[in-house]
């Protein structure tokens, strides 16, 4: 099996992880590109472990060597991104690898070159950091009632408030006109044949709000060939995946709208 065949299926998910870790598509994709270039040039090699684990381990080596250690946290953070930089990198990494990417604690330990006990501690600390963030109002765009109810329960469990559940593009746009959310969770294909992507584009023309897409086909949105979502959840999703994505989206969005409690 060629290197392309071995790694190709994992690249869309590595891009998702890199974007969540760095906060933007541009930054995340640049680190993925650097890792692949190092691999193609022979400067780096995949270690003898499952391909996906080895790929993420290589990404971390490149990320830390080329940029992560140059990032610094300000003494008095004034923005969401600056507050994120105060959270230790290892906390975020361990949390995202297990909650967003679905690695086991043992696999995350291999990727981060840590013990499993150390990774468990990092995950717990990251969860505390996320839970300490202020709550916000959430718009859910989802046409499947059971999935919408599951998402709503997860969102409320995190301390957020659901302002509306829309099932079509027009309902979503009208919901935002009625009350501006601080976060949007959007399915791709909606009940009347309309598109969640189009609904989000309509919303973003008038409001700067973080968006998390939910789809059964993430590879269609994570090609690296055009502007794409930094935060994406794959169906069927796990509760911890949704929680991780929400936390990261709110952390990294500069213009977050905070709900009044």
C-alpha atoms as a PDB file:
ATOM      1  CA  UNK A   1       0.000   0.000   0.000  1.00  0.00           C
ATOM      2  CA  UNK A   2       1.383   3.402  -0.988  1.00  0.00           C
ATOM      3  CA  UNK A   3       1.811   6.254   1.479  1.00  0.00           C
ATOM      4  CA  UNK A   4      -1.035   8.167  -0.192  1.00  0.00           C
ATOM      5  CA  UNK A   5      -3.390   5.196   0.144  1.00  0.00           C
ATOM      6  CA  UNK A   6      -2.346   4.703   3.755  1.00  0.00           C
ATOM      7  CA  UNK A   7      -2.763   8.320   4.889  1.00  0.00           C
ATOM      8  CA  UNK A   8      -5.361   9.700   2.477  1.00  0.00           C
ATOM      9  CA  UNK A   9      -8.469   8.633   4.441  1.00  0.00           C
ATOM     10  CA  UNK A  10      -7.123  10.292   7.588  1.00  0.00           C
ATOM     11  CA  UNK A  11      -6.208  13.715   6.156  1.00  0.00           C
ATOM     12  CA  UNK A  12      -9.701  15.296   6.351  1.00  0.00           C
ATOM     13  CA  UNK A  13      -9.831  14.474  10.047  1.00  0.00           C
ATOM     14  CA  UNK A  14      -6.296  15.729  10.681  1.00  0.00           C
ATOM     15  CA  UNK A  15      -7.329  19.030   9.068  1.00  0.00           C
ATOM     16  CA  UNK A  16     -10.341  19.171  11.387  1.00  0.00           C
ATOM     17  CA  UNK A  17      -8.134  18.587  14.405  1.00  0.00           C
ATOM     18  CA  UNK A  18      -5.509  21.113  13.300  1.00  0.00           C
ATOM     19  CA  UNK A  19      -8.137  23.782  12.726  1.00  0.00           C
ATOM     20  CA  UNK A  20      -9.728  23.192  16.124  1.00  0.00           C
ATOM     21  CA  UNK A  21      -6.319  23.277  17.785  1.00  0.00           C
ATOM     22  CA  UNK A  22      -5.170  26.512  16.123  1.00  0.00           C
ATOM     23  CA  UNK A  23      -8.543  28.203  15.722  1.00  0.00           C
ATOM     24  CA  UNK A  24      -8.507  28.874  11.972  1.00  0.00           C
ATOM     25  CA  UNK A  25      -8.546  26.963   8.703  1.00  0.00           C
ATOM     26  CA  UNK A  26      -5.508  28.847   7.396  1.00  0.00           C
ATOM     27  CA  UNK A  27      -3.297  28.143  10.380  1.00  0.00           C
ATOM     28  CA  UNK A  28      -4.440  24.553  10.845  1.00  0.00           C
ATOM     29  CA  UNK A  29      -4.020  23.650   7.184  1.00  0.00           C
ATOM     30  CA  UNK A  30      -0.559  25.230   7.052  1.00  0.00           C
ATOM     31  CA  UNK A  31       0.667  22.947   9.829  1.00  0.00           C
ATOM     32  CA  UNK A  32      -0.841  19.900   8.137  1.00  0.00           C
ATOM     33  CA  UNK A  33       0.900  20.911   4.913  1.00  0.00           C
ATOM     34  CA  UNK A  34       4.212  21.308   6.739  1.00  0.00           C
ATOM     35  CA  UNK A  35       3.892  17.834   8.237  1.00  0.00           C
ATOM     36  CA  UNK A  36       3.139  16.264   4.856  1.00  0.00           C
ATOM     37  CA  UNK A  37       6.030  18.116   3.211  1.00  0.00           C
ATOM     38  CA  UNK A  38       8.412  16.889   5.887  1.00  0.00           C
ATOM     39  CA  UNK A  39       7.163  13.361   5.294  1.00  0.00           C
ATOM     40  CA  UNK A  40       7.406  13.611   1.496  1.00  0.00           C
ATOM     41  CA  UNK A  41      10.917  15.089   1.601  1.00  0.00           C
ATOM     42  CA  UNK A  42      12.209  12.359   3.880  1.00  0.00           C
ATOM     43  CA  UNK A  43      12.950  14.781   6.715  1.00  0.00           C
ATOM     44  CA  UNK A  44      10.450  12.879   8.881  1.00  0.00           C
ATOM     45  CA  UNK A  45       9.149   9.332   8.909  1.00  0.00           C
ATOM     46  CA  UNK A  46       6.053   7.653  10.276  1.00  0.00           C
ATOM     47  CA  UNK A  47       6.718   5.565  13.342  1.00  0.00           C
ATOM     48  CA  UNK A  48       5.777   1.886  13.571  1.00  0.00           C
ATOM     49  CA  UNK A  49       2.214   2.239  14.868  1.00  0.00           C
ATOM     50  CA  UNK A  50      -1.269   2.423  13.314  1.00  0.00           C
ATOM     51  CA  UNK A  51      -1.195   4.907  10.396  1.00  0.00           C
ATOM     52  CA  UNK A  52      -3.627   7.411  11.904  1.00  0.00           C
ATOM     53  CA  UNK A  53      -1.845   7.454  15.247  1.00  0.00           C
ATOM     54  CA  UNK A  54       1.511   7.810  13.508  1.00  0.00           C
ATOM     55  CA  UNK A  55       0.194  10.655  11.318  1.00  0.00           C
ATOM     56  CA  UNK A  56      -1.086  12.661  14.293  1.00  0.00           C
ATOM     57  CA  UNK A  57       2.139  12.025  16.187  1.00  0.00           C
ATOM     58  CA  UNK A  58       4.103  13.377  13.212  1.00  0.00           C
ATOM     59  CA  UNK A  59       1.800  16.402  13.025  1.00  0.00           C
ATOM     60  CA  UNK A  60       2.461  17.190  16.679  1.00  0.00           C
ATOM     61  CA  UNK A  61       6.208  16.935  16.198  1.00  0.00           C
ATOM     62  CA  UNK A  62       6.047  19.386  13.288  1.00  0.00           C
ATOM     63  CA  UNK A  63       3.590  21.714  15.017  1.00  0.00           C
ATOM     64  CA  UNK A  64       5.701  22.007  18.137  1.00  0.00           C
ATOM     65  CA  UNK A  65       8.911  22.408  16.143  1.00  0.00           C
ATOM     66  CA  UNK A  66       7.606  25.071  13.753  1.00  0.00           C
ATOM     67  CA  UNK A  67       5.218  27.212  15.697  1.00  0.00           C
ATOM     68  CA  UNK A  68       3.519  26.031  18.844  1.00  0.00           C
ATOM     69  CA  UNK A  69       6.382  26.874  21.141  1.00  0.00           C
ATOM     70  CA  UNK A  70       6.579  30.372  19.698  1.00  0.00           C
ATOM     71  CA  UNK A  71       3.047  31.125  20.857  1.00  0.00           C
ATOM     72  CA  UNK A  72       2.857  33.034  24.114  1.00  0.00           C
ATOM     73  CA  UNK A  73       0.051  33.892  26.493  1.00  0.00           C
ATOM     74  CA  UNK A  74      -0.449  37.549  27.478  1.00  0.00           C
ATOM     75  CA  UNK A  75      -0.414  38.551  31.123  1.00  0.00           C
ATOM     76  CA  UNK A  76      -3.872  40.162  30.891  1.00  0.00           C
ATOM     77  CA  UNK A  77      -5.925  38.575  28.098  1.00  0.00           C
ATOM     78  CA  UNK A  78      -8.500  40.839  26.438  1.00  0.00           C
ATOM     79  CA  UNK A  79      -9.909  38.525  23.752  1.00  0.00           C
ATOM     80  CA  UNK A  80     -11.174  34.973  23.479  1.00  0.00           C
ATOM     81  CA  UNK A  81      -8.121  33.865  21.513  1.00  0.00           C
ATOM     82  CA  UNK A  82      -5.795  35.395  24.095  1.00  0.00           C
ATOM     83  CA  UNK A  83      -7.651  33.582  26.863  1.00  0.00           C
ATOM     84  CA  UNK A  84      -7.226  30.341  24.961  1.00  0.00           C
ATOM     85  CA  UNK A  85      -3.475  30.886  24.860  1.00  0.00           C
ATOM     86  CA  UNK A  86      -3.459  30.878  28.655  1.00  0.00           C
ATOM     87  CA  UNK A  87      -4.775  27.325  28.673  1.00  0.00           C
ATOM     88  CA  UNK A  88      -1.797  24.942  28.567  1.00  0.00           C
ATOM     89  CA  UNK A  89      -1.320  23.441  25.122  1.00  0.00           C
ATOM     90  CA  UNK A  90      -1.194  19.893  26.456  1.00  0.00           C
ATOM     91  CA  UNK A  91      -4.635  20.251  28.060  1.00  0.00           C
ATOM     92  CA  UNK A  92      -6.210  21.250  24.755  1.00  0.00           C
ATOM     93  CA  UNK A  93      -4.349  18.617  22.782  1.00  0.00           C
ATOM     94  CA  UNK A  94      -5.344  15.712  25.023  1.00  0.00           C
ATOM     95  CA  UNK A  95      -8.955  16.855  25.171  1.00  0.00           C
ATOM     96  CA  UNK A  96      -9.302  17.297  21.393  1.00  0.00           C
ATOM     97  CA  UNK A  97      -7.567  14.039  20.526  1.00  0.00           C
ATOM     98  CA  UNK A  98      -9.948  12.000  22.657  1.00  0.00           C
ATOM     99  CA  UNK A  99     -13.186  14.003  22.547  1.00  0.00           C
ATOM    100  CA  UNK A 100     -13.094  15.392  19.006  1.00  0.00           C
ATOM    101  CA  UNK A 101     -10.969  12.843  17.138  1.00  0.00           C
ATOM    102  CA  UNK A 102     -12.080   9.728  19.002  1.00  0.00           C
ATOM    103  CA  UNK A 103      -8.661   8.403  19.948  1.00  0.00           C
ATOM    104  CA  UNK A 104      -8.439   6.255  23.051  1.00  0.00           C
ATOM    105  CA  UNK A 105      -6.504   7.580  26.011  1.00  0.00           C
ATOM    106  CA  UNK A 106      -3.775   5.066  25.166  1.00  0.00           C
ATOM    107  CA  UNK A 107      -3.547   6.313  21.558  1.00  0.00           C
ATOM    108  CA  UNK A 108      -3.506   9.943  22.681  1.00  0.00           C
ATOM    109  CA  UNK A 109      -0.653   9.066  25.026  1.00  0.00           C
ATOM    110  CA  UNK A 110       1.289   7.666  22.060  1.00  0.00           C
ATOM    111  CA  UNK A 111       0.619  10.768  19.987  1.00  0.00           C
ATOM    112  CA  UNK A 112       1.639  13.147  22.780  1.00  0.00           C
ATOM    113  CA  UNK A 113       4.430  10.936  24.113  1.00  0.00           C
ATOM    114  CA  UNK A 114       2.839  10.953  27.565  1.00  0.00           C
ATOM    115  CA  UNK A 115       1.691   8.274  30.005  1.00  0.00           C
ATOM    116  CA  UNK A 116      -1.978   7.307  30.006  1.00  0.00           C
ATOM    117  CA  UNK A 117      -2.378   8.622  33.550  1.00  0.00           C
ATOM    118  CA  UNK A 118      -0.906  11.958  32.505  1.00  0.00           C
ATOM    119  CA  UNK A 119      -3.311  12.200  29.564  1.00  0.00           C
ATOM    120  CA  UNK A 120      -6.299  11.520  31.823  1.00  0.00           C
ATOM    121  CA  UNK A 121      -5.219  14.390  34.066  1.00  0.00           C
ATOM    122  CA  UNK A 122      -4.775  16.684  31.048  1.00  0.00           C
ATOM    123  CA  UNK A 123      -8.277  15.858  29.788  1.00  0.00           C
ATOM    124  CA  UNK A 124      -9.857  16.568  33.166  1.00  0.00           C
ATOM    125  CA  UNK A 125      -8.090  19.910  33.428  1.00  0.00           C
ATOM    126  CA  UNK A 126      -9.134  20.891  29.898  1.00  0.00           C
ATOM    127  CA  UNK A 127     -12.755  20.063  30.661  1.00  0.00           C
ATOM    128  CA  UNK A 128     -12.597  22.296  33.718  1.00  0.00           C
ATOM    129  CA  UNK A 129     -11.144  25.123  31.626  1.00  0.00           C
ATOM    130  CA  UNK A 130     -13.980  24.798  29.105  1.00  0.00           C
ATOM    131  CA  UNK A 131     -16.722  24.594  31.720  1.00  0.00           C
ATOM    132  CA  UNK A 132     -15.429  27.799  33.303  1.00  0.00           C
ATOM    133  CA  UNK A 133     -16.240  29.746  30.130  1.00  0.00           C
ATOM    134  CA  UNK A 134     -19.393  31.868  30.178  1.00  0.00           C
ATOM    135  CA  UNK A 135     -22.602  30.514  28.660  1.00  0.00           C
ATOM    136  CA  UNK A 136     -24.097  31.695  25.374  1.00  0.00           C
ATOM    137  CA  UNK A 137     -27.325  31.499  23.346  1.00  0.00           C
ATOM    138  CA  UNK A 138     -27.403  28.689  20.765  1.00  0.00           C
ATOM    139  CA  UNK A 139     -29.354  28.239  17.525  1.00  0.00           C
ATOM    140  CA  UNK A 140     -29.695  24.613  16.382  1.00  0.00           C
ATOM    141  CA  UNK A 141     -30.398  23.996  12.688  1.00  0.00           C
ATOM    142  CA  UNK A 142     -31.395  20.324  12.464  1.00  0.00           C
ATOM    143  CA  UNK A 143     -34.384  18.636  10.798  1.00  0.00           C
ATOM    144  CA  UNK A 144     -34.226  15.268  12.603  1.00  0.00           C
ATOM    145  CA  UNK A 145     -36.201  15.625  15.884  1.00  0.00           C
ATOM    146  CA  UNK A 146     -34.289  12.959  17.824  1.00  0.00           C
ATOM    147  CA  UNK A 147     -30.892  14.378  16.877  1.00  0.00           C
ATOM    148  CA  UNK A 148     -32.086  17.919  17.579  1.00  0.00           C
ATOM    149  CA  UNK A 149     -33.299  16.852  21.028  1.00  0.00           C
ATOM    150  CA  UNK A 150     -29.974  15.144  21.787  1.00  0.00           C
ATOM    151  CA  UNK A 151     -28.014  18.232  20.762  1.00  0.00           C
ATOM    152  CA  UNK A 152     -30.311  20.513  22.735  1.00  0.00           C
ATOM    153  CA  UNK A 153     -29.830  18.401  25.870  1.00  0.00           C
ATOM    154  CA  UNK A 154     -26.045  18.462  25.454  1.00  0.00           C
ATOM    155  CA  UNK A 155     -26.006  22.206  24.894  1.00  0.00           C
ATOM    156  CA  UNK A 156     -28.113  22.865  27.978  1.00  0.00           C
ATOM    157  CA  UNK A 157     -26.018  20.449  30.036  1.00  0.00           C
ATOM    158  CA  UNK A 158     -23.020  22.667  29.277  1.00  0.00           C
ATOM    159  CA  UNK A 159     -24.841  25.679  30.692  1.00  0.00           C
ATOM    160  CA  UNK A 160     -25.880  27.262  27.385  1.00  0.00           C
ATOM    161  CA  UNK A 161     -29.394  28.308  26.345  1.00  0.00           C
ATOM    162  CA  UNK A 162     -31.120  27.132  23.170  1.00  0.00           C
ATOM    163  CA  UNK A 163     -32.949  30.065  21.571  1.00  0.00           C
ATOM    164  CA  UNK A 164     -34.494  28.077  18.718  1.00  0.00           C
ATOM    165  CA  UNK A 165     -34.421  24.805  16.787  1.00  0.00           C
ATOM    166  CA  UNK A 166     -34.838  25.444  13.042  1.00  0.00           C
ATOM    167  CA  UNK A 167     -35.551  22.729  10.490  1.00  0.00           C
ATOM    168  CA  UNK A 168     -35.211  24.777   7.283  1.00  0.00           C
ATOM    169  CA  UNK A 169     -33.091  27.583   5.850  1.00  0.00           C
ATOM    170  CA  UNK A 170     -35.886  30.139   6.166  1.00  0.00           C
ATOM    171  CA  UNK A 171     -36.659  29.150   9.765  1.00  0.00           C
ATOM    172  CA  UNK A 172     -32.993  29.565  10.671  1.00  0.00           C
ATOM    173  CA  UNK A 173     -32.752  33.037   9.146  1.00  0.00           C
ATOM    174  CA  UNK A 174     -35.976  34.136  10.854  1.00  0.00           C
ATOM    175  CA  UNK A 175     -34.770  32.751  14.187  1.00  0.00           C
ATOM    176  CA  UNK A 176     -31.632  34.873  14.010  1.00  0.00           C
ATOM    177  CA  UNK A 177     -33.678  37.954  13.154  1.00  0.00           C
ATOM    178  CA  UNK A 178     -35.788  37.318  16.243  1.00  0.00           C
ATOM    179  CA  UNK A 179     -32.813  36.738  18.556  1.00  0.00           C
ATOM    180  CA  UNK A 180     -29.139  36.763  17.680  1.00  0.00           C
ATOM    181  CA  UNK A 181     -27.339  33.637  18.929  1.00  0.00           C
ATOM    182  CA  UNK A 182     -23.799  33.374  20.216  1.00  0.00           C
ATOM    183  CA  UNK A 183     -23.292  30.000  18.511  1.00  0.00           C
ATOM    184  CA  UNK A 184     -24.892  28.109  15.605  1.00  0.00           C
ATOM    185  CA  UNK A 185     -24.985  24.304  15.288  1.00  0.00           C
ATOM    186  CA  UNK A 186     -26.029  23.457  11.721  1.00  0.00           C
ATOM    187  CA  UNK A 187     -26.853  20.263   9.860  1.00  0.00           C
ATOM    188  CA  UNK A 188     -25.932  20.234   6.166  1.00  0.00           C
ATOM    189  CA  UNK A 189     -29.096  18.766   4.607  1.00  0.00           C
ATOM    190  CA  UNK A 190     -32.432  20.056   5.891  1.00  0.00           C
ATOM    191  CA  UNK A 191     -36.038  18.849   5.820  1.00  0.00           C
ATOM    192  CA  UNK A 192     -37.336  20.822   2.832  1.00  0.00           C
ATOM    193  CA  UNK A 193     -34.297  20.100   0.689  1.00  0.00           C
ATOM    194  CA  UNK A 194     -32.652  23.382   1.660  1.00  0.00           C
ATOM    195  CA  UNK A 195     -29.034  23.582   2.744  1.00  0.00           C
ATOM    196  CA  UNK A 196     -27.658  24.289   6.184  1.00  0.00           C
ATOM    197  CA  UNK A 197     -24.615  25.785   4.486  1.00  0.00           C
ATOM    198  CA  UNK A 198     -26.799  28.299   2.650  1.00  0.00           C
ATOM    199  CA  UNK A 199     -28.630  29.088   5.879  1.00  0.00           C
ATOM    200  CA  UNK A 200     -25.339  29.760   7.634  1.00  0.00           C
ATOM    201  CA  UNK A 201     -24.104  31.939   4.771  1.00  0.00           C
ATOM    202  CA  UNK A 202     -27.299  34.001   5.054  1.00  0.00           C
ATOM    203  CA  UNK A 203     -26.749  34.371   8.795  1.00  0.00           C
ATOM    204  CA  UNK A 204     -23.072  35.304   8.476  1.00  0.00           C
ATOM    205  CA  UNK A 205     -23.861  38.137   6.064  1.00  0.00           C
ATOM    206  CA  UNK A 206     -25.385  40.023   8.952  1.00  0.00           C
ATOM    207  CA  UNK A 207     -23.846  38.518  12.085  1.00  0.00           C
ATOM    208  CA  UNK A 208     -20.376  37.416  13.125  1.00  0.00           C
ATOM    209  CA  UNK A 209     -21.078  34.201  15.007  1.00  0.00           C
ATOM    210  CA  UNK A 210     -19.173  30.908  15.443  1.00  0.00           C
ATOM    211  CA  UNK A 211     -20.618  27.975  13.521  1.00  0.00           C
ATOM    212  CA  UNK A 212     -20.251  24.218  13.959  1.00  0.00           C
ATOM    213  CA  UNK A 213     -21.453  22.032  11.085  1.00  0.00           C
ATOM    214  CA  UNK A 214     -22.895  18.554  11.627  1.00  0.00           C
ATOM    215  CA  UNK A 215     -22.633  16.077   8.752  1.00  0.00           C
ATOM    216  CA  UNK A 216     -22.414  12.403   7.925  1.00  0.00           C
ATOM    217  CA  UNK A 217     -19.940  13.215   5.136  1.00  0.00           C
ATOM    218  CA  UNK A 218     -17.098  15.334   6.583  1.00  0.00           C
ATOM    219  CA  UNK A 219     -14.735  14.439   3.755  1.00  0.00           C
ATOM    220  CA  UNK A 220     -16.896  16.542   1.408  1.00  0.00           C
ATOM    221  CA  UNK A 221     -16.210  19.665   3.459  1.00  0.00           C
ATOM    222  CA  UNK A 222     -12.577  19.066   4.432  1.00  0.00           C
ATOM    223  CA  UNK A 223     -10.717  18.959   1.138  1.00  0.00           C
ATOM    224  CA  UNK A 224      -8.394  21.906   1.762  1.00  0.00           C
ATOM    225  CA  UNK A 225      -9.369  23.352  -1.638  1.00  0.00           C
ATOM    226  CA  UNK A 226     -11.707  26.186  -0.585  1.00  0.00           C
ATOM    227  CA  UNK A 227     -12.897  28.061   2.528  1.00  0.00           C
ATOM    228  CA  UNK A 228     -14.229  25.430   4.906  1.00  0.00           C
ATOM    229  CA  UNK A 229     -15.545  25.207   8.463  1.00  0.00           C
ATOM    230  CA  UNK A 230     -12.978  25.152  11.231  1.00  0.00           C
ATOM    231  CA  UNK A 231     -15.382  23.198  13.460  1.00  0.00           C
ATOM    232  CA  UNK A 232     -17.238  20.126  12.284  1.00  0.00           C
ATOM    233  CA  UNK A 233     -18.992  17.174  13.955  1.00  0.00           C
ATOM    234  CA  UNK A 234     -19.407  13.833  12.217  1.00  0.00           C
ATOM    235  CA  UNK A 235     -22.661  11.862  12.422  1.00  0.00           C
ATOM    236  CA  UNK A 236     -23.276   9.676  14.314  1.00  0.00           C
ATOM    237  CA  UNK A 237     -21.676  11.812  17.002  1.00  0.00           C
ATOM    238  CA  UNK A 238     -20.619  11.132  20.564  1.00  0.00           C
ATOM    239  CA  UNK A 239     -21.669  13.546  23.343  1.00  0.00           C
ATOM    240  CA  UNK A 240     -18.061  14.357  24.197  1.00  0.00           C
ATOM    241  CA  UNK A 241     -17.407  15.242  20.561  1.00  0.00           C
ATOM    242  CA  UNK A 242     -20.168  17.836  20.603  1.00  0.00           C
ATOM    243  CA  UNK A 243     -18.958  19.262  23.913  1.00  0.00           C
ATOM    244  CA  UNK A 244     -15.394  19.523  22.647  1.00  0.00           C
ATOM    245  CA  UNK A 245     -16.417  21.262  19.423  1.00  0.00           C
ATOM    246  CA  UNK A 246     -18.641  23.754  21.256  1.00  0.00           C
ATOM    247  CA  UNK A 247     -15.899  24.610  23.711  1.00  0.00           C
ATOM    248  CA  UNK A 248     -13.315  25.151  20.994  1.00  0.00           C
ATOM    249  CA  UNK A 249     -15.640  27.180  18.752  1.00  0.00           C
ATOM    250  CA  UNK A 250     -16.488  29.555  21.599  1.00  0.00           C
ATOM    251  CA  UNK A 251     -12.875  29.755  22.739  1.00  0.00           C
ATOM    252  CA  UNK A 252     -11.566  30.795  19.370  1.00  0.00           C
ATOM    253  CA  UNK A 253     -14.262  33.167  18.187  1.00  0.00           C
ATOM    254  CA  UNK A 254     -13.304  36.782  18.803  1.00  0.00           C
ATOM    255  CA  UNK A 255     -16.817  38.218  18.633  1.00  0.00           C
ATOM    256  CA  UNK A 256     -18.623  35.762  20.852  1.00  0.00           C
ATOM    257  CA  UNK A 257     -22.032  36.869  22.120  1.00  0.00           C
ATOM    258  CA  UNK A 258     -22.421  35.960  25.785  1.00  0.00           C
ATOM    259  CA  UNK A 259     -25.884  35.128  27.082  1.00  0.00           C
ATOM    260  CA  UNK A 260     -27.223  37.199  29.953  1.00  0.00           C
ATOM    261  CA  UNK A 261     -27.931  34.839  32.837  1.00  0.00           C
END
